[in-house]
Amino acid sequence: VELVDCPVASAATIIKQGLLTENERHLLQRLADYGSMQCAARAIPRSYTTLKRELATIREKLGVHTTLQAVVWALRNGVIR
């Protein structure tokens, strides 16, 4: 069996090495809870622009292209519930 490198790190690696901060995990959880960036930005509270910038950092860390992919990844890997 040939192992293929996956660009997305495992949840254990992300948490163990501190690649996602507590704030970033909280942000992903709020997005999952509220379902939209506008609602999450009001609930956190953060400006929409700040939220977009923070999400760009999270997407880069996880190696995904969209915010939805980041939230789904976090749900599937137990980073958020």
PDB file of N, CA and C in Angstrom:
ATOM      1  N   VAL A   1       0.847  -1.173   0.000  1.00  0.00           N
ATOM      2  CA  VAL A   1       0.000   0.000   0.000  1.00  0.00           C
ATOM      3  C   VAL A   1       0.888   1.230   0.000  1.00  0.00           C
ATOM      4  N   GLU A   2       0.611   2.129  -0.918  1.00  0.00           N
ATOM      5  CA  GLU A   2       1.383   3.369  -1.011  1.00  0.00           C
ATOM      6  C   GLU A   2       0.666   4.477  -0.257  1.00  0.00           C
ATOM      7  N   LEU A   3       1.352   5.139   0.633  1.00  0.00           N
ATOM      8  CA  LEU A   3       0.754   6.241   1.380  1.00  0.00           C
ATOM      9  C   LEU A   3       0.878   7.515   0.569  1.00  0.00           C
ATOM     10  N   VAL A   4      -0.198   8.262   0.521  1.00  0.00           N
ATOM     11  CA  VAL A   4      -0.223   9.525  -0.210  1.00  0.00           C
ATOM     12  C   VAL A   4      -0.262  10.657   0.802  1.00  0.00           C
ATOM     13  N   ASP A   5       0.595  11.636   0.611  1.00  0.00           N
ATOM     14  CA  ASP A   5       0.597  12.785   1.514  1.00  0.00           C
ATOM     15  C   ASP A   5      -0.689  13.574   1.343  1.00  0.00           C
ATOM     16  N   CYS A   6      -1.311  13.875   2.443  1.00  0.00           N
ATOM     17  CA  CYS A   6      -2.537  14.677   2.444  1.00  0.00           C
ATOM     18  C   CYS A   6      -2.173  16.073   2.923  1.00  0.00           C
ATOM     19  N   PRO A   7      -2.622  17.133   2.224  1.00  0.00           N
ATOM     20  CA  PRO A   7      -2.239  18.486   2.624  1.00  0.00           C
ATOM     21  C   PRO A   7      -2.882  18.956   3.920  1.00  0.00           C
ATOM     22  N   VAL A   8      -3.901  18.255   4.380  1.00  0.00           N
ATOM     23  CA  VAL A   8      -4.598  18.663   5.592  1.00  0.00           C
ATOM     24  C   VAL A   8      -4.046  17.874   6.770  1.00  0.00           C
ATOM     25  N   ALA A   9      -3.629  18.582   7.799  1.00  0.00           N
ATOM     26  CA  ALA A   9      -3.086  17.934   8.987  1.00  0.00           C
ATOM     27  C   ALA A   9      -4.200  17.269   9.781  1.00  0.00           C
ATOM     28  N   SER A  10      -3.825  16.282  10.593  1.00  0.00           N
ATOM     29  CA  SER A  10      -4.817  15.617  11.429  1.00  0.00           C
ATOM     30  C   SER A  10      -5.242  16.537  12.570  1.00  0.00           C
ATOM     31  N   ALA A  11      -6.423  16.270  13.109  1.00  0.00           N
ATOM     32  CA  ALA A  11      -6.941  17.088  14.215  1.00  0.00           C
ATOM     33  C   ALA A  11      -6.001  17.016  15.411  1.00  0.00           C
ATOM     34  N   ALA A  12      -5.473  15.831  15.694  1.00  0.00           N
ATOM     35  CA  ALA A  12      -4.567  15.687  16.837  1.00  0.00           C
ATOM     36  C   ALA A  12      -3.327  16.550  16.651  1.00  0.00           C
ATOM     37  N   THR A  13      -2.798  16.578  15.444  1.00  0.00           N
ATOM     38  CA  THR A  13      -1.620  17.406  15.173  1.00  0.00           C
ATOM     39  C   THR A  13      -1.951  18.877  15.322  1.00  0.00           C
ATOM     40  N   ILE A  14      -3.101  19.285  14.781  1.00  0.00           N
ATOM     41  CA  ILE A  14      -3.514  20.685  14.854  1.00  0.00           C
ATOM     42  C   ILE A  14      -3.602  21.133  16.315  1.00  0.00           C
ATOM     43  N   ILE A  15      -4.234  20.335  17.154  1.00  0.00           N
ATOM     44  CA  ILE A  15      -4.425  20.717  18.555  1.00  0.00           C
ATOM     45  C   ILE A  15      -3.119  20.558  19.342  1.00  0.00           C
ATOM     46  N   LYS A  16      -2.435  19.437  19.150  1.00  0.00           N
ATOM     47  CA  LYS A  16      -1.212  19.157  19.907  1.00  0.00           C
ATOM     48  C   LYS A  16      -0.144  20.212  19.663  1.00  0.00           C
ATOM     49  N   GLN A  17       0.050  20.580  18.420  1.00  0.00           N
ATOM     50  CA  GLN A  17       1.083  21.542  18.099  1.00  0.00           C
ATOM     51  C   GLN A  17       0.606  22.980  18.212  1.00  0.00           C
ATOM     52  N   GLY A  18      -0.648  23.168  18.580  1.00  0.00           N
ATOM     53  CA  GLY A  18      -1.159  24.507  18.779  1.00  0.00           C
ATOM     54  C   GLY A  18      -1.315  25.298  17.490  1.00  0.00           C
ATOM     55  N   LEU A  19      -1.534  24.606  16.381  1.00  0.00           N
ATOM     56  CA  LEU A  19      -1.672  25.313  15.109  1.00  0.00           C
ATOM     57  C   LEU A  19      -2.963  26.115  15.047  1.00  0.00           C
ATOM     58  N   LEU A  20      -4.001  25.623  15.676  1.00  0.00           N
ATOM     59  CA  LEU A  20      -5.229  26.406  15.819  1.00  0.00           C
ATOM     60  C   LEU A  20      -5.296  26.893  17.253  1.00  0.00           C
ATOM     61  N   THR A  21      -5.468  28.169  17.407  1.00  0.00           N
ATOM     62  CA  THR A  21      -5.570  28.727  18.752  1.00  0.00           C
ATOM     63  C   THR A  21      -6.961  28.446  19.316  1.00  0.00           C
ATOM     64  N   GLU A  22      -7.098  28.646  20.604  1.00  0.00           N
ATOM     65  CA  GLU A  22      -8.411  28.508  21.239  1.00  0.00           C
ATOM     66  C   GLU A  22      -9.410  29.459  20.575  1.00  0.00           C
ATOM     67  N   ASN A  23      -8.960  30.665  20.274  1.00  0.00           N
ATOM     68  CA  ASN A  23      -9.812  31.654  19.615  1.00  0.00           C
ATOM     69  C   ASN A  23     -10.262  31.161  18.233  1.00  0.00           C
ATOM     70  N   GLU A  24      -9.362  30.535  17.490  1.00  0.00           N
ATOM     71  CA  GLU A  24      -9.712  30.028  16.157  1.00  0.00           C
ATOM     72  C   GLU A  24     -10.709  28.876  16.253  1.00  0.00           C
ATOM     73  N   ARG A  25     -10.519  27.998  17.232  1.00  0.00           N
ATOM     74  CA  ARG A  25     -11.491  26.908  17.431  1.00  0.00           C
ATOM     75  C   ARG A  25     -12.846  27.486  17.820  1.00  0.00           C
ATOM     76  N   HIS A  26     -12.842  28.495  18.684  1.00  0.00           N
ATOM     77  CA  HIS A  26     -14.077  29.159  19.098  1.00  0.00           C
ATOM     78  C   HIS A  26     -14.776  29.788  17.884  1.00  0.00           C
ATOM     79  N   LEU A  27     -14.014  30.416  17.029  1.00  0.00           N
ATOM     80  CA  LEU A  27     -14.562  31.035  15.827  1.00  0.00           C
ATOM     81  C   LEU A  27     -15.215  29.997  14.916  1.00  0.00           C
ATOM     82  N   LEU A  28     -14.549  28.881  14.696  1.00  0.00           N
ATOM     83  CA  LEU A  28     -15.138  27.811  13.878  1.00  0.00           C
ATOM     84  C   LEU A  28     -16.407  27.265  14.519  1.00  0.00           C
ATOM     85  N   GLN A  29     -16.403  27.168  15.851  1.00  0.00           N
ATOM     86  CA  GLN A  29     -17.604  26.688  16.547  1.00  0.00           C
ATOM     87  C   GLN A  29     -18.758  27.659  16.358  1.00  0.00           C
ATOM     88  N   ARG A  30     -18.497  28.961  16.478  1.00  0.00           N
ATOM     89  CA  ARG A  30     -19.556  29.961  16.270  1.00  0.00           C
ATOM     90  C   ARG A  30     -20.105  29.887  14.849  1.00  0.00           C
ATOM     91  N   LEU A  31     -19.239  29.688  13.871  1.00  0.00           N
ATOM     92  CA  LEU A  31     -19.709  29.549  12.496  1.00  0.00           C
ATOM     93  C   LEU A  31     -20.611  28.337  12.351  1.00  0.00           C
ATOM     94  N   ALA A  32     -20.232  27.233  12.967  1.00  0.00           N
ATOM     95  CA  ALA A  32     -21.073  26.035  12.919  1.00  0.00           C
ATOM     96  C   ALA A  32     -22.403  26.281  13.629  1.00  0.00           C
ATOM     97  N   ASP A  33     -22.374  27.004  14.746  1.00  0.00           N
ATOM     98  CA  ASP A  33     -23.592  27.279  15.517  1.00  0.00           C
ATOM     99  C   ASP A  33     -24.545  28.222  14.788  1.00  0.00           C
ATOM    100  N   TYR A  34     -24.000  29.283  14.190  1.00  0.00           N
ATOM    101  CA  TYR A  34     -24.843  30.339  13.620  1.00  0.00           C
ATOM    102  C   TYR A  34     -25.083  30.199  12.122  1.00  0.00           C
ATOM    103  N   GLY A  35     -24.226  29.470  11.424  1.00  0.00           N
ATOM    104  CA  GLY A  35     -24.471  29.183  10.022  1.00  0.00           C
ATOM    105  C   GLY A  35     -24.117  30.263   9.019  1.00  0.00           C
ATOM    106  N   SER A  36     -23.721  31.434   9.483  1.00  0.00           N
ATOM    107  CA  SER A  36     -23.304  32.482   8.546  1.00  0.00           C
ATOM    108  C   SER A  36     -22.239  33.346   9.204  1.00  0.00           C
ATOM    109  N   MET A  37     -21.401  33.924   8.360  1.00  0.00           N
ATOM    110  CA  MET A  37     -20.343  34.787   8.881  1.00  0.00           C
ATOM    111  C   MET A  37     -20.916  36.048   9.510  1.00  0.00           C
ATOM    112  N   GLN A  38     -21.984  36.586   8.952  1.00  0.00           N
ATOM    113  CA  GLN A  38     -22.584  37.800   9.502  1.00  0.00           C
ATOM    114  C   GLN A  38     -23.106  37.557  10.920  1.00  0.00           C
ATOM    115  N   CYS A  39     -23.833  36.465  11.102  1.00  0.00           N
ATOM    116  CA  CYS A  39     -24.380  36.156  12.432  1.00  0.00           C
ATOM    117  C   CYS A  39     -23.262  35.830  13.428  1.00  0.00           C
ATOM    118  N   ALA A  40     -22.273  35.086  12.984  1.00  0.00           N
ATOM    119  CA  ALA A  40     -21.152  34.751  13.864  1.00  0.00           C
ATOM    120  C   ALA A  40     -20.389  36.003  14.266  1.00  0.00           C
ATOM    121  N   ALA A  41     -20.194  36.924  13.318  1.00  0.00           N
ATOM    122  CA  ALA A  41     -19.473  38.166  13.610  1.00  0.00           C
ATOM    123  C   ALA A  41     -20.209  38.975  14.677  1.00  0.00           C
ATOM    124  N   ARG A  42     -21.531  39.016  14.600  1.00  0.00           N
ATOM    125  CA  ARG A  42     -22.306  39.751  15.619  1.00  0.00           C
ATOM    126  C   ARG A  42     -22.254  39.051  16.969  1.00  0.00           C
ATOM    127  N   ALA A  43     -22.273  37.724  16.969  1.00  0.00           N
ATOM    128  CA  ALA A  43     -22.309  36.963  18.218  1.00  0.00           C
ATOM    129  C   ALA A  43     -20.970  36.963  18.939  1.00  0.00           C
ATOM    130  N   ILE A  44     -19.864  37.114  18.233  1.00  0.00           N
ATOM    131  CA  ILE A  44     -18.549  36.932  18.872  1.00  0.00           C
ATOM    132  C   ILE A  44     -18.164  38.051  19.827  1.00  0.00           C
ATOM    133  N   PRO A  45     -18.279  39.299  19.660  1.00  0.00           N
ATOM    134  CA  PRO A  45     -18.484  40.159  18.493  1.00  0.00           C
ATOM    135  C   PRO A  45     -17.158  40.528  17.823  1.00  0.00           C
ATOM    136  N   ARG A  46     -17.197  40.561  16.525  1.00  0.00           N
ATOM    137  CA  ARG A  46     -16.072  40.967  15.676  1.00  0.00           C
ATOM    138  C   ARG A  46     -16.643  41.680  14.466  1.00  0.00           C
ATOM    139  N   SER A  47     -15.862  42.491  13.845  1.00  0.00           N
ATOM    140  CA  SER A  47     -16.297  43.073  12.585  1.00  0.00           C
ATOM    141  C   SER A  47     -16.226  41.984  11.526  1.00  0.00           C
ATOM    142  N   TYR A  48     -17.033  42.128  10.517  1.00  0.00           N
ATOM    143  CA  TYR A  48     -17.062  41.175   9.419  1.00  0.00           C
ATOM    144  C   TYR A  48     -15.682  41.097   8.761  1.00  0.00           C
ATOM    145  N   THR A  49     -15.016  42.226   8.617  1.00  0.00           N
ATOM    146  CA  THR A  49     -13.687  42.267   7.998  1.00  0.00           C
ATOM    147  C   THR A  49     -12.663  41.505   8.843  1.00  0.00           C
ATOM    148  N   THR A  50     -12.704  41.684  10.138  1.00  0.00           N
ATOM    149  CA  THR A  50     -11.793  40.964  11.037  1.00  0.00           C
ATOM    150  C   THR A  50     -12.057  39.471  10.957  1.00  0.00           C
ATOM    151  N   LEU A  51     -13.312  39.091  10.947  1.00  0.00           N
ATOM    152  CA  LEU A  51     -13.692  37.690  10.851  1.00  0.00           C
ATOM    153  C   LEU A  51     -13.155  37.075   9.553  1.00  0.00           C
ATOM    154  N   LYS A  52     -13.297  37.781   8.456  1.00  0.00           N
ATOM    155  CA  LYS A  52     -12.794  37.274   7.178  1.00  0.00           C
ATOM    156  C   LYS A  52     -11.278  37.075   7.215  1.00  0.00           C
ATOM    157  N   ARG A  53     -10.566  38.000   7.827  1.00  0.00           N
ATOM    158  CA  ARG A  53      -9.113  37.892   7.930  1.00  0.00           C
ATOM    159  C   ARG A  53      -8.719  36.689   8.796  1.00  0.00           C
ATOM    160  N   GLU A  54      -9.397  36.505   9.916  1.00  0.00           N
ATOM    161  CA  GLU A  54      -9.104  35.373  10.793  1.00  0.00           C
ATOM    162  C   GLU A  54      -9.403  34.046  10.098  1.00  0.00           C
ATOM    163  N   LEU A  55     -10.482  34.019   9.328  1.00  0.00           N
ATOM    164  CA  LEU A  55     -10.835  32.794   8.610  1.00  0.00           C
ATOM    165  C   LEU A  55      -9.826  32.467   7.515  1.00  0.00           C
ATOM    166  N   ALA A  56      -9.256  33.472   6.887  1.00  0.00           N
ATOM    167  CA  ALA A  56      -8.219  33.238   5.883  1.00  0.00           C
ATOM    168  C   ALA A  56      -7.019  32.543   6.521  1.00  0.00           C
ATOM    169  N   THR A  57      -6.665  32.957   7.723  1.00  0.00           N
ATOM    170  CA  THR A  57      -5.559  32.332   8.452  1.00  0.00           C
ATOM    171  C   THR A  57      -5.884  30.880   8.784  1.00  0.00           C
ATOM    172  N   ILE A  58      -7.104  30.627   9.242  1.00  0.00           N
ATOM    173  CA  ILE A  58      -7.527  29.263   9.583  1.00  0.00           C
ATOM    174  C   ILE A  58      -7.494  28.378   8.340  1.00  0.00           C
ATOM    175  N   ARG A  59      -8.034  28.877   7.231  1.00  0.00           N
ATOM    176  CA  ARG A  59      -8.053  28.082   5.994  1.00  0.00           C
ATOM    177  C   ARG A  59      -6.634  27.725   5.560  1.00  0.00           C
ATOM    178  N   GLU A  60      -5.729  28.675   5.686  1.00  0.00           N
ATOM    179  CA  GLU A  60      -4.335  28.423   5.322  1.00  0.00           C
ATOM    180  C   GLU A  60      -3.725  27.352   6.216  1.00  0.00           C
ATOM    181  N   LYS A  61      -3.970  27.434   7.512  1.00  0.00           N
ATOM    182  CA  LYS A  61      -3.437  26.451   8.445  1.00  0.00           C
ATOM    183  C   LYS A  61      -3.954  25.046   8.149  1.00  0.00           C
ATOM    184  N   LEU A  62      -5.228  24.943   7.778  1.00  0.00           N
ATOM    185  CA  LEU A  62      -5.842  23.639   7.536  1.00  0.00           C
ATOM    186  C   LEU A  62      -5.620  23.142   6.112  1.00  0.00           C
ATOM    187  N   GLY A  63      -5.187  24.015   5.227  1.00  0.00           N
ATOM    188  CA  GLY A  63      -4.955  23.617   3.848  1.00  0.00           C
ATOM    189  C   GLY A  63      -6.230  23.423   3.055  1.00  0.00           C
ATOM    190  N   VAL A  64      -7.250  24.222   3.377  1.00  0.00           N
ATOM    191  CA  VAL A  64      -8.522  24.147   2.655  1.00  0.00           C
ATOM    192  C   VAL A  64      -8.753  25.464   1.928  1.00  0.00           C
ATOM    193  N   HIS A  65      -9.688  25.437   0.976  1.00  0.00           N
ATOM    194  CA  HIS A  65      -9.924  26.616   0.149  1.00  0.00           C
ATOM    195  C   HIS A  65     -11.101  27.470   0.600  1.00  0.00           C
ATOM    196  N   THR A  66     -12.076  26.876   1.261  1.00  0.00           N
ATOM    197  CA  THR A  66     -13.268  27.632   1.642  1.00  0.00           C
ATOM    198  C   THR A  66     -13.513  27.537   3.146  1.00  0.00           C
ATOM    199  N   THR A  67     -14.289  28.489   3.637  1.00  0.00           N
ATOM    200  CA  THR A  67     -14.662  28.472   5.057  1.00  0.00           C
ATOM    201  C   THR A  67     -15.525  27.260   5.370  1.00  0.00           C
ATOM    202  N   LEU A  68     -16.410  26.904   4.455  1.00  0.00           N
ATOM    203  CA  LEU A  68     -17.236  25.710   4.662  1.00  0.00           C
ATOM    204  C   LEU A  68     -16.358  24.478   4.823  1.00  0.00           C
ATOM    205  N   GLN A  69     -15.337  24.340   4.003  1.00  0.00           N
ATOM    206  CA  GLN A  69     -14.421  23.207   4.138  1.00  0.00           C
ATOM    207  C   GLN A  69     -13.741  23.213   5.506  1.00  0.00           C
ATOM    208  N   ALA A  70     -13.389  24.383   6.003  1.00  0.00           N
ATOM    209  CA  ALA A  70     -12.744  24.483   7.318  1.00  0.00           C
ATOM    210  C   ALA A  70     -13.697  24.034   8.421  1.00  0.00           C
ATOM    211  N   VAL A  71     -14.946  24.467   8.353  1.00  0.00           N
ATOM    212  CA  VAL A  71     -15.925  24.092   9.375  1.00  0.00           C
ATOM    213  C   VAL A  71     -16.209  22.590   9.298  1.00  0.00           C
ATOM    214  N   VAL A  72     -16.391  22.061   8.106  1.00  0.00           N
ATOM    215  CA  VAL A  72     -16.642  20.631   7.950  1.00  0.00           C
ATOM    216  C   VAL A  72     -15.456  19.821   8.450  1.00  0.00           C
ATOM    217  N   TRP A  73     -14.255  20.265   8.115  1.00  0.00           N
ATOM    218  CA  TRP A  73     -13.056  19.573   8.594  1.00  0.00           C
ATOM    219  C   TRP A  73     -13.037  19.544  10.118  1.00  0.00           C
ATOM    220  N   ALA A  74     -13.310  20.691  10.736  1.00  0.00           N
ATOM    221  CA  ALA A  74     -13.288  20.778  12.201  1.00  0.00           C
ATOM    222  C   ALA A  74     -14.345  19.871  12.828  1.00  0.00           C
ATOM    223  N   LEU A  75     -15.528  19.810  12.222  1.00  0.00           N
ATOM    224  CA  LEU A  75     -16.588  18.921  12.724  1.00  0.00           C
ATOM    225  C   LEU A  75     -16.185  17.455  12.594  1.00  0.00           C
ATOM    226  N   ARG A  76     -15.699  17.085  11.443  1.00  0.00           N
ATOM    227  CA  ARG A  76     -15.331  15.678  11.186  1.00  0.00           C
ATOM    228  C   ARG A  76     -14.169  15.216  12.053  1.00  0.00           C
ATOM    229  N   ASN A  77     -13.287  16.127  12.409  1.00  0.00           N
ATOM    230  CA  ASN A  77     -12.109  15.761  13.191  1.00  0.00           C
ATOM    231  C   ASN A  77     -12.241  16.035  14.675  1.00  0.00           C
ATOM    232  N   GLY A  78     -13.423  16.387  15.125  1.00  0.00           N
ATOM    233  CA  GLY A  78     -13.674  16.574  16.542  1.00  0.00           C
ATOM    234  C   GLY A  78     -13.056  17.819  17.152  1.00  0.00           C
ATOM    235  N   VAL A  79     -12.647  18.758  16.319  1.00  0.00           N
ATOM    236  CA  VAL A  79     -12.096  20.015  16.834  1.00  0.00           C
ATOM    237  C   VAL A  79     -13.220  20.862  17.400  1.00  0.00           C
ATOM    238  N   ILE A  80     -14.397  20.791  16.767  1.00  0.00           N
ATOM    239  CA  ILE A  80     -15.608  21.453  17.262  1.00  0.00           C
ATOM    240  C   ILE A  80     -16.707  20.408  17.290  1.00  0.00           C
ATOM    241  N   ARG A  81     -17.832  20.775  17.891  1.00  0.00           N
ATOM    242  CA  ARG A  81     -18.944  19.824  17.953  1.00  0.00           C
ATOM    243  C   ARG A  81     -20.140  20.342  17.189  1.00  0.00           C
TER     244      ARG A  81
END
